[in-house]
Amino acid sequence: MRSILVIFILFSGKVFADKGQILYESHCIECHSRMTGGDGNVLYKRDDKIVSSKITLTERVNFCAESVSAQWSQSDVDAVTNYLNEKYYKF
């Protein structure tokens, strides 16, 4: 029974990360690419990052979602925050 619970937890975390990636790719990357004149992912790799903690990352994701009228739930914001944190920030 315990192994089933562990598998479920790992799988649900993967689904949550996938949701964040899907939301990011469908709402964020296009705007970021326009901002940078090409690869929008450079925003996460630059030395002068605006984001310095998971809290500021969540705030930034909220700001961006509101800027593009994404109408995301808190779960959506959390999914994108977790995706970006896992991929780029590692707080």
PDB file of N, CA and C in Angstrom:
ATOM      1  N   MET A   1       0.830  -1.196   0.000  1.00  0.00           N
ATOM      2  CA  MET A   1       0.000   0.000   0.000  1.00  0.00           C
ATOM      3  C   MET A   1       0.874   1.259   0.000  1.00  0.00           C
ATOM      4  N   ARG A   2       1.935   1.222   0.785  1.00  0.00           N
ATOM      5  CA  ARG A   2       2.810   2.397   0.887  1.00  0.00           C
ATOM      6  C   ARG A   2       3.459   2.725  -0.457  1.00  0.00           C
ATOM      7  N   SER A   3       3.874   1.688  -1.200  1.00  0.00           N
ATOM      8  CA  SER A   3       4.507   1.926  -2.498  1.00  0.00           C
ATOM      9  C   SER A   3       3.521   2.543  -3.486  1.00  0.00           C
ATOM     10  N   ILE A   4       2.267   2.171  -3.391  1.00  0.00           N
ATOM     11  CA  ILE A   4       1.241   2.767  -4.253  1.00  0.00           C
ATOM     12  C   ILE A   4       1.100   4.251  -3.943  1.00  0.00           C
ATOM     13  N   LEU A   5       1.135   4.599  -2.676  1.00  0.00           N
ATOM     14  CA  LEU A   5       1.044   6.000  -2.278  1.00  0.00           C
ATOM     15  C   LEU A   5       2.240   6.783  -2.802  1.00  0.00           C
ATOM     16  N   VAL A   6       3.424   6.234  -2.709  1.00  0.00           N
ATOM     17  CA  VAL A   6       4.629   6.906  -3.206  1.00  0.00           C
ATOM     18  C   VAL A   6       4.532   7.111  -4.715  1.00  0.00           C
ATOM     19  N   ILE A   7       4.097   6.094  -5.435  1.00  0.00           N
ATOM     20  CA  ILE A   7       3.932   6.206  -6.887  1.00  0.00           C
ATOM     21  C   ILE A   7       2.906   7.277  -7.216  1.00  0.00           C
ATOM     22  N   PHE A   8       1.807   7.312  -6.495  1.00  0.00           N
ATOM     23  CA  PHE A   8       0.782   8.330  -6.728  1.00  0.00           C
ATOM     24  C   PHE A   8       1.338   9.729  -6.497  1.00  0.00           C
ATOM     25  N   ILE A   9       2.081   9.922  -5.434  1.00  0.00           N
ATOM     26  CA  ILE A   9       2.649  11.234  -5.125  1.00  0.00           C
ATOM     27  C   ILE A   9       3.622  11.660  -6.220  1.00  0.00           C
ATOM     28  N   LEU A  10       4.479  10.748  -6.647  1.00  0.00           N
ATOM     29  CA  LEU A  10       5.428  11.067  -7.713  1.00  0.00           C
ATOM     30  C   LEU A  10       4.708  11.385  -9.017  1.00  0.00           C
ATOM     31  N   PHE A  11       3.691  10.607  -9.354  1.00  0.00           N
ATOM     32  CA  PHE A  11       2.938  10.834 -10.576  1.00  0.00           C
ATOM     33  C   PHE A  11       2.180  12.150 -10.526  1.00  0.00           C
ATOM     34  N   SER A  12       1.550  12.458  -9.393  1.00  0.00           N
ATOM     35  CA  SER A  12       0.786  13.702  -9.291  1.00  0.00           C
ATOM     36  C   SER A  12       1.711  14.902  -9.381  1.00  0.00           C
ATOM     37  N   GLY A  13       2.914  14.809  -8.855  1.00  0.00           N
ATOM     38  CA  GLY A  13       3.893  15.890  -8.996  1.00  0.00           C
ATOM     39  C   GLY A  13       4.283  16.095 -10.441  1.00  0.00           C
ATOM     40  N   LYS A  14       4.438  15.004 -11.201  1.00  0.00           N
ATOM     41  CA  LYS A  14       4.775  15.071 -12.620  1.00  0.00           C
ATOM     42  C   LYS A  14       3.641  15.709 -13.401  1.00  0.00           C
ATOM     43  N   VAL A  15       2.409  15.339 -13.117  1.00  0.00           N
ATOM     44  CA  VAL A  15       1.255  15.939 -13.793  1.00  0.00           C
ATOM     45  C   VAL A  15       1.205  17.431 -13.502  1.00  0.00           C
ATOM     46  N   PHE A  16       1.465  17.821 -12.247  1.00  0.00           N
ATOM     47  CA  PHE A  16       1.459  19.230 -11.868  1.00  0.00           C
ATOM     48  C   PHE A  16       2.523  19.997 -12.643  1.00  0.00           C
ATOM     49  N   ALA A  17       3.717  19.411 -12.786  1.00  0.00           N
ATOM     50  CA  ALA A  17       4.794  20.053 -13.540  1.00  0.00           C
ATOM     51  C   ALA A  17       4.414  20.161 -15.008  1.00  0.00           C
ATOM     52  N   ASP A  18       3.807  19.120 -15.565  1.00  0.00           N
ATOM     53  CA  ASP A  18       3.389  19.156 -16.962  1.00  0.00           C
ATOM     54  C   ASP A  18       2.350  20.244 -17.196  1.00  0.00           C
ATOM     55  N   LYS A  19       1.430  20.411 -16.256  1.00  0.00           N
ATOM     56  CA  LYS A  19       0.416  21.460 -16.363  1.00  0.00           C
ATOM     57  C   LYS A  19       1.096  22.823 -16.404  1.00  0.00           C
ATOM     58  N   GLY A  20       2.091  23.018 -15.553  1.00  0.00           N
ATOM     59  CA  GLY A  20       2.826  24.278 -15.542  1.00  0.00           C
ATOM     60  C   GLY A  20       3.538  24.526 -16.849  1.00  0.00           C
ATOM     61  N   GLN A  21       4.141  23.495 -17.414  1.00  0.00           N
ATOM     62  CA  GLN A  21       4.841  23.634 -18.689  1.00  0.00           C
ATOM     63  C   GLN A  21       3.870  23.974 -19.808  1.00  0.00           C
ATOM     64  N   ILE A  22       2.729  23.315 -19.830  1.00  0.00           N
ATOM     65  CA  ILE A  22       1.720  23.580 -20.859  1.00  0.00           C
ATOM     66  C   ILE A  22       1.217  25.010 -20.760  1.00  0.00           C
ATOM     67  N   LEU A  23       0.908  25.452 -19.542  1.00  0.00           N
ATOM     68  CA  LEU A  23       0.448  26.829 -19.359  1.00  0.00           C
ATOM     69  C   LEU A  23       1.527  27.820 -19.763  1.00  0.00           C
ATOM     70  N   TYR A  24       2.763  27.559 -19.368  1.00  0.00           N
ATOM     71  CA  TYR A  24       3.880  28.431 -19.711  1.00  0.00           C
ATOM     72  C   TYR A  24       4.042  28.533 -21.230  1.00  0.00           C
ATOM     73  N   GLU A  25       4.040  27.387 -21.887  1.00  0.00           N
ATOM     74  CA  GLU A  25       4.254  27.383 -23.335  1.00  0.00           C
ATOM     75  C   GLU A  25       3.098  28.009 -24.101  1.00  0.00           C
ATOM     76  N   SER A  26       1.897  27.958 -23.546  1.00  0.00           N
ATOM     77  CA  SER A  26       0.749  28.512 -24.258  1.00  0.00           C
ATOM     78  C   SER A  26       0.457  29.973 -23.913  1.00  0.00           C
ATOM     79  N   HIS A  27       1.037  30.498 -22.822  1.00  0.00           N
ATOM     80  CA  HIS A  27       0.733  31.867 -22.426  1.00  0.00           C
ATOM     81  C   HIS A  27       1.956  32.771 -22.260  1.00  0.00           C
ATOM     82  N   CYS A  28       3.107  32.202 -21.974  1.00  0.00           N
ATOM     83  CA  CYS A  28       4.252  33.026 -21.554  1.00  0.00           C
ATOM     84  C   CYS A  28       5.347  33.180 -22.600  1.00  0.00           C
ATOM     85  N   ILE A  29       5.731  32.092 -23.225  1.00  0.00           N
ATOM     86  CA  ILE A  29       6.929  32.101 -24.045  1.00  0.00           C
ATOM     87  C   ILE A  29       6.825  33.047 -25.241  1.00  0.00           C
ATOM     88  N   GLU A  30       5.647  33.198 -25.804  1.00  0.00           N
ATOM     89  CA  GLU A  30       5.488  34.098 -26.949  1.00  0.00           C
ATOM     90  C   GLU A  30       5.805  35.542 -26.559  1.00  0.00           C
ATOM     91  N   CYS A  31       5.272  35.985 -25.448  1.00  0.00           N
ATOM     92  CA  CYS A  31       5.532  37.343 -24.971  1.00  0.00           C
ATOM     93  C   CYS A  31       7.010  37.509 -24.611  1.00  0.00           C
ATOM     94  N   HIS A  32       7.568  36.532 -23.924  1.00  0.00           N
ATOM     95  CA  HIS A  32       8.981  36.605 -23.538  1.00  0.00           C
ATOM     96  C   HIS A  32       9.885  36.641 -24.759  1.00  0.00           C
ATOM     97  N   SER A  33       9.515  35.906 -25.800  1.00  0.00           N
ATOM     98  CA  SER A  33      10.301  35.907 -27.034  1.00  0.00           C
ATOM     99  C   SER A  33      10.245  37.273 -27.713  1.00  0.00           C
ATOM    100  N   ARG A  34       9.083  37.897 -27.693  1.00  0.00           N
ATOM    101  CA  ARG A  34       8.967  39.257 -28.248  1.00  0.00           C
ATOM    102  C   ARG A  34       9.815  40.241 -27.456  1.00  0.00           C
ATOM    103  N   MET A  35       9.819  40.087 -26.142  1.00  0.00           N
ATOM    104  CA  MET A  35      10.587  40.988 -25.272  1.00  0.00           C
ATOM    105  C   MET A  35      12.088  40.897 -25.533  1.00  0.00           C
ATOM    106  N   THR A  36      12.555  39.698 -25.866  1.00  0.00           N
ATOM    107  CA  THR A  36      13.992  39.483 -26.010  1.00  0.00           C
ATOM    108  C   THR A  36      14.448  39.439 -27.459  1.00  0.00           C
ATOM    109  N   GLY A  37      13.501  39.520 -28.382  1.00  0.00           N
ATOM    110  CA  GLY A  37      13.866  39.462 -29.792  1.00  0.00           C
ATOM    111  C   GLY A  37      14.281  38.079 -30.252  1.00  0.00           C
ATOM    112  N   GLY A  38      13.790  37.061 -29.589  1.00  0.00           N
ATOM    113  CA  GLY A  38      14.133  35.695 -29.991  1.00  0.00           C
ATOM    114  C   GLY A  38      13.804  34.674 -28.936  1.00  0.00           C
ATOM    115  N   ASP A  39      14.805  34.222 -28.221  1.00  0.00           N
ATOM    116  CA  ASP A  39      14.645  33.163 -27.226  1.00  0.00           C
ATOM    117  C   ASP A  39      14.159  33.741 -25.905  1.00  0.00           C
ATOM    118  N   GLY A  40      12.894  33.526 -25.586  1.00  0.00           N
ATOM    119  CA  GLY A  40      12.314  34.045 -24.350  1.00  0.00           C
ATOM    120  C   GLY A  40      12.874  33.413 -23.093  1.00  0.00           C
ATOM    121  N   ASN A  41      13.508  32.269 -23.226  1.00  0.00           N
ATOM    122  CA  ASN A  41      14.075  31.592 -22.062  1.00  0.00           C
ATOM    123  C   ASN A  41      15.308  32.300 -21.505  1.00  0.00           C
ATOM    124  N   VAL A  42      15.884  33.213 -22.261  1.00  0.00           N
ATOM    125  CA  VAL A  42      17.069  33.931 -21.760  1.00  0.00           C
ATOM    126  C   VAL A  42      16.725  34.783 -20.541  1.00  0.00           C
ATOM    127  N   LEU A  43      15.453  35.114 -20.372  1.00  0.00           N
ATOM    128  CA  LEU A  43      15.046  35.895 -19.199  1.00  0.00           C
ATOM    129  C   LEU A  43      15.396  35.164 -17.901  1.00  0.00           C
ATOM    130  N   TYR A  44      15.392  33.854 -17.934  1.00  0.00           N
ATOM    131  CA  TYR A  44      15.650  33.066 -16.728  1.00  0.00           C
ATOM    132  C   TYR A  44      17.131  32.804 -16.504  1.00  0.00           C
ATOM    133  N   LYS A  45      17.925  33.062 -17.513  1.00  0.00           N
ATOM    134  CA  LYS A  45      19.351  32.747 -17.448  1.00  0.00           C
ATOM    135  C   LYS A  45      20.234  33.987 -17.284  1.00  0.00           C
ATOM    136  N   ARG A  46      19.642  35.161 -17.336  1.00  0.00           N
ATOM    137  CA  ARG A  46      20.440  36.389 -17.275  1.00  0.00           C
ATOM    138  C   ARG A  46      20.947  36.644 -15.858  1.00  0.00           C
ATOM    139  N   ASP A  47      21.990  37.452 -15.773  1.00  0.00           N
ATOM    140  CA  ASP A  47      22.600  37.752 -14.474  1.00  0.00           C
ATOM    141  C   ASP A  47      21.758  38.704 -13.632  1.00  0.00           C
ATOM    142  N   ASP A  48      21.035  39.608 -14.262  1.00  0.00           N
ATOM    143  CA  ASP A  48      20.248  40.615 -13.530  1.00  0.00           C
ATOM    144  C   ASP A  48      18.784  40.194 -13.375  1.00  0.00           C
ATOM    145  N   LYS A  49      18.572  38.990 -12.857  1.00  0.00           N
ATOM    146  CA  LYS A  49      17.217  38.457 -12.675  1.00  0.00           C
ATOM    147  C   LYS A  49      16.421  39.312 -11.690  1.00  0.00           C
ATOM    148  N   ILE A  50      15.161  39.503 -11.985  1.00  0.00           N
ATOM    149  CA  ILE A  50      14.238  40.204 -11.093  1.00  0.00           C
ATOM    150  C   ILE A  50      13.853  39.285  -9.940  1.00  0.00           C
ATOM    151  N   VAL A  51      13.774  37.998 -10.216  1.00  0.00           N
ATOM    152  CA  VAL A  51      13.301  37.004  -9.259  1.00  0.00           C
ATOM    153  C   VAL A  51      14.467  36.504  -8.410  1.00  0.00           C
ATOM    154  N   SER A  52      14.263  36.550  -7.086  1.00  0.00           N
ATOM    155  CA  SER A  52      15.336  36.137  -6.180  1.00  0.00           C
ATOM    156  C   SER A  52      14.892  35.104  -5.145  1.00  0.00           C
ATOM    157  N   SER A  53      13.616  34.701  -5.188  1.00  0.00           N
ATOM    158  CA  SER A  53      13.100  33.697  -4.258  1.00  0.00           C
ATOM    159  C   SER A  53      11.837  33.088  -4.863  1.00  0.00           C
ATOM    160  N   LYS A  54      11.382  32.008  -4.263  1.00  0.00           N
ATOM    161  CA  LYS A  54      10.160  31.383  -4.769  1.00  0.00           C
ATOM    162  C   LYS A  54       8.962  32.318  -4.575  1.00  0.00           C
ATOM    163  N   ILE A  55       8.985  33.107  -3.539  1.00  0.00           N
ATOM    164  CA  ILE A  55       7.895  34.065  -3.307  1.00  0.00           C
ATOM    165  C   ILE A  55       7.857  35.107  -4.424  1.00  0.00           C
ATOM    166  N   THR A  56       9.010  35.653  -4.782  1.00  0.00           N
ATOM    167  CA  THR A  56       9.021  36.657  -5.861  1.00  0.00           C
ATOM    168  C   THR A  56       8.721  36.010  -7.209  1.00  0.00           C
ATOM    169  N   LEU A  57       9.067  34.730  -7.363  1.00  0.00           N
ATOM    170  CA  LEU A  57       8.708  34.025  -8.592  1.00  0.00           C
ATOM    171  C   LEU A  57       7.191  33.903  -8.701  1.00  0.00           C
ATOM    172  N   THR A  58       6.533  33.529  -7.617  1.00  0.00           N
ATOM    173  CA  THR A  58       5.071  33.444  -7.620  1.00  0.00           C
ATOM    174  C   THR A  58       4.446  34.802  -7.918  1.00  0.00           C
ATOM    175  N   GLU A  59       4.976  35.845  -7.305  1.00  0.00           N
ATOM    176  CA  GLU A  59       4.471  37.198  -7.563  1.00  0.00           C
ATOM    177  C   GLU A  59       4.638  37.575  -9.031  1.00  0.00           C
ATOM    178  N   ARG A  60       5.770  37.210  -9.611  1.00  0.00           N
ATOM    179  CA  ARG A  60       6.041  37.539 -11.018  1.00  0.00           C
ATOM    180  C   ARG A  60       5.110  36.757 -11.940  1.00  0.00           C
ATOM    181  N   VAL A  61       4.884  35.497 -11.643  1.00  0.00           N
ATOM    182  CA  VAL A  61       3.967  34.688 -12.453  1.00  0.00           C
ATOM    183  C   VAL A  61       2.561  35.283 -12.376  1.00  0.00           C
ATOM    184  N   ASN A  62       2.127  35.685 -11.176  1.00  0.00           N
ATOM    185  CA  ASN A  62       0.829  36.353 -11.034  1.00  0.00           C
ATOM    186  C   ASN A  62       0.766  37.623 -11.867  1.00  0.00           C
ATOM    187  N   PHE A  63       1.806  38.447 -11.780  1.00  0.00           N
ATOM    188  CA  PHE A  63       1.861  39.701 -12.539  1.00  0.00           C
ATOM    189  C   PHE A  63       1.746  39.442 -14.038  1.00  0.00           C
ATOM    190  N   CYS A  64       2.519  38.494 -14.521  1.00  0.00           N
ATOM    191  CA  CYS A  64       2.504  38.196 -15.956  1.00  0.00           C
ATOM    192  C   CYS A  64       1.151  37.630 -16.400  1.00  0.00           C
ATOM    193  N   ALA A  65       0.585  36.742 -15.591  1.00  0.00           N
ATOM    194  CA  ALA A  65      -0.719  36.162 -15.936  1.00  0.00           C
ATOM    195  C   ALA A  65      -1.785  37.247 -16.026  1.00  0.00           C
ATOM    196  N   GLU A  66      -1.751  38.189 -15.088  1.00  0.00           N
ATOM    197  CA  GLU A  66      -2.701  39.295 -15.127  1.00  0.00           C
ATOM    198  C   GLU A  66      -2.441  40.200 -16.329  1.00  0.00           C
ATOM    199  N   SER A  67      -1.181  40.383 -16.693  1.00  0.00           N
ATOM    200  CA  SER A  67      -0.819  41.249 -17.825  1.00  0.00           C
ATOM    201  C   SER A  67      -1.373  40.736 -19.147  1.00  0.00           C
ATOM    202  N   VAL A  68      -1.471  39.418 -19.274  1.00  0.00           N
ATOM    203  CA  VAL A  68      -1.989  38.843 -20.517  1.00  0.00           C
ATOM    204  C   VAL A  68      -3.425  38.354 -20.366  1.00  0.00           C
ATOM    205  N   SER A  69      -4.065  38.714 -19.267  1.00  0.00           N
ATOM    206  CA  SER A  69      -5.454  38.328 -18.980  1.00  0.00           C
ATOM    207  C   SER A  69      -5.656  36.811 -19.068  1.00  0.00           C
ATOM    208  N   ALA A  70      -4.734  36.066 -18.480  1.00  0.00           N
ATOM    209  CA  ALA A  70      -4.793  34.606 -18.545  1.00  0.00           C
ATOM    210  C   ALA A  70      -5.923  34.022 -17.700  1.00  0.00           C
ATOM    211  N   GLN A  71      -6.383  34.730 -16.679  1.00  0.00           N
ATOM    212  CA  GLN A  71      -7.439  34.263 -15.790  1.00  0.00           C
ATOM    213  C   GLN A  71      -7.110  32.891 -15.201  1.00  0.00           C
ATOM    214  N   TRP A  72      -5.901  32.778 -14.667  1.00  0.00           N
ATOM    215  CA  TRP A  72      -5.466  31.534 -14.058  1.00  0.00           C
ATOM    216  C   TRP A  72      -5.964  31.425 -12.636  1.00  0.00           C
ATOM    217  N   SER A  73      -6.214  30.202 -12.223  1.00  0.00           N
ATOM    218  CA  SER A  73      -6.520  29.905 -10.821  1.00  0.00           C
ATOM    219  C   SER A  73      -5.208  29.916 -10.040  1.00  0.00           C
ATOM    220  N   GLN A  74      -5.313  29.862  -8.722  1.00  0.00           N
ATOM    221  CA  GLN A  74      -4.098  29.788  -7.910  1.00  0.00           C
ATOM    222  C   GLN A  74      -3.342  28.495  -8.209  1.00  0.00           C
ATOM    223  N   SER A  75      -4.068  27.443  -8.501  1.00  0.00           N
ATOM    224  CA  SER A  75      -3.443  26.172  -8.870  1.00  0.00           C
ATOM    225  C   SER A  75      -2.624  26.317 -10.155  1.00  0.00           C
ATOM    226  N   ASP A  76      -3.130  27.073 -11.109  1.00  0.00           N
ATOM    227  CA  ASP A  76      -2.403  27.322 -12.358  1.00  0.00           C
ATOM    228  C   ASP A  76      -1.122  28.117 -12.089  1.00  0.00           C
ATOM    229  N   VAL A  77      -1.240  29.156 -11.282  1.00  0.00           N
ATOM    230  CA  VAL A  77      -0.074  29.973 -10.921  1.00  0.00           C
ATOM    231  C   VAL A  77       0.963  29.107 -10.221  1.00  0.00           C
ATOM    232  N   ASP A  78       0.509  28.271  -9.300  1.00  0.00           N
ATOM    233  CA  ASP A  78       1.425  27.387  -8.582  1.00  0.00           C
ATOM    234  C   ASP A  78       2.108  26.402  -9.534  1.00  0.00           C
ATOM    235  N   ALA A  79       1.364  25.892 -10.506  1.00  0.00           N
ATOM    236  CA  ALA A  79       1.930  24.937 -11.461  1.00  0.00           C
ATOM    237  C   ALA A  79       3.020  25.598 -12.305  1.00  0.00           C
ATOM    238  N   VAL A  80       2.772  26.805 -12.788  1.00  0.00           N
ATOM    239  CA  VAL A  80       3.769  27.512 -13.591  1.00  0.00           C
ATOM    240  C   VAL A  80       4.969  27.888 -12.725  1.00  0.00           C
ATOM    241  N   THR A  81       4.705  28.347 -11.512  1.00  0.00           N
ATOM    242  CA  THR A  81       5.787  28.680 -10.582  1.00  0.00           C
ATOM    243  C   THR A  81       6.661  27.461 -10.334  1.00  0.00           C
ATOM    244  N   ASN A  82       6.052  26.329 -10.063  1.00  0.00           N
ATOM    245  CA  ASN A  82       6.813  25.103  -9.811  1.00  0.00           C
ATOM    246  C   ASN A  82       7.590  24.667 -11.046  1.00  0.00           C
ATOM    247  N   TYR A  83       6.982  24.783 -12.213  1.00  0.00           N
ATOM    248  CA  TYR A  83       7.668  24.424 -13.455  1.00  0.00           C
ATOM    249  C   TYR A  83       8.913  25.295 -13.652  1.00  0.00           C
ATOM    250  N   LEU A  84       8.750  26.601 -13.517  1.00  0.00           N
ATOM    251  CA  LEU A  84       9.887  27.508 -13.706  1.00  0.00           C
ATOM    252  C   LEU A  84      10.959  27.301 -12.646  1.00  0.00           C
ATOM    253  N   ASN A  85      10.524  27.040 -11.429  1.00  0.00           N
ATOM    254  CA  ASN A  85      11.484  26.809 -10.354  1.00  0.00           C
ATOM    255  C   ASN A  85      12.287  25.531 -10.612  1.00  0.00           C
ATOM    256  N   GLU A  86      11.618  24.484 -11.022  1.00  0.00           N
ATOM    257  CA  GLU A  86      12.311  23.224 -11.289  1.00  0.00           C
ATOM    258  C   GLU A  86      13.247  23.339 -12.486  1.00  0.00           C
ATOM    259  N   LYS A  87      12.826  24.067 -13.493  1.00  0.00           N
ATOM    260  CA  LYS A  87      13.610  24.146 -14.729  1.00  0.00           C
ATOM    261  C   LYS A  87      14.759  25.151 -14.643  1.00  0.00           C
ATOM    262  N   TYR A  88      14.524  26.305 -13.994  1.00  0.00           N
ATOM    263  CA  TYR A  88      15.504  27.383 -14.054  1.00  0.00           C
ATOM    264  C   TYR A  88      16.050  27.845 -12.689  1.00  0.00           C
ATOM    265  N   TYR A  89      15.180  28.061 -11.740  1.00  0.00           N
ATOM    266  CA  TYR A  89      15.599  28.775 -10.523  1.00  0.00           C
ATOM    267  C   TYR A  89      16.180  27.880  -9.433  1.00  0.00           C
ATOM    268  N   LYS A  90      15.518  26.790  -9.150  1.00  0.00           N
ATOM    269  CA  LYS A  90      15.965  25.831  -8.140  1.00  0.00           C
ATOM    270  C   LYS A  90      16.076  26.438  -6.731  1.00  0.00           C
ATOM    271  N   PHE A  91      15.020  27.144  -6.313  1.00  0.00           N
ATOM    272  CA  PHE A  91      15.005  27.737  -4.956  1.00  0.00           C
ATOM    273  C   PHE A  91      14.760  26.663  -3.925  1.00  0.00           C
TER     274      PHE A  91
END
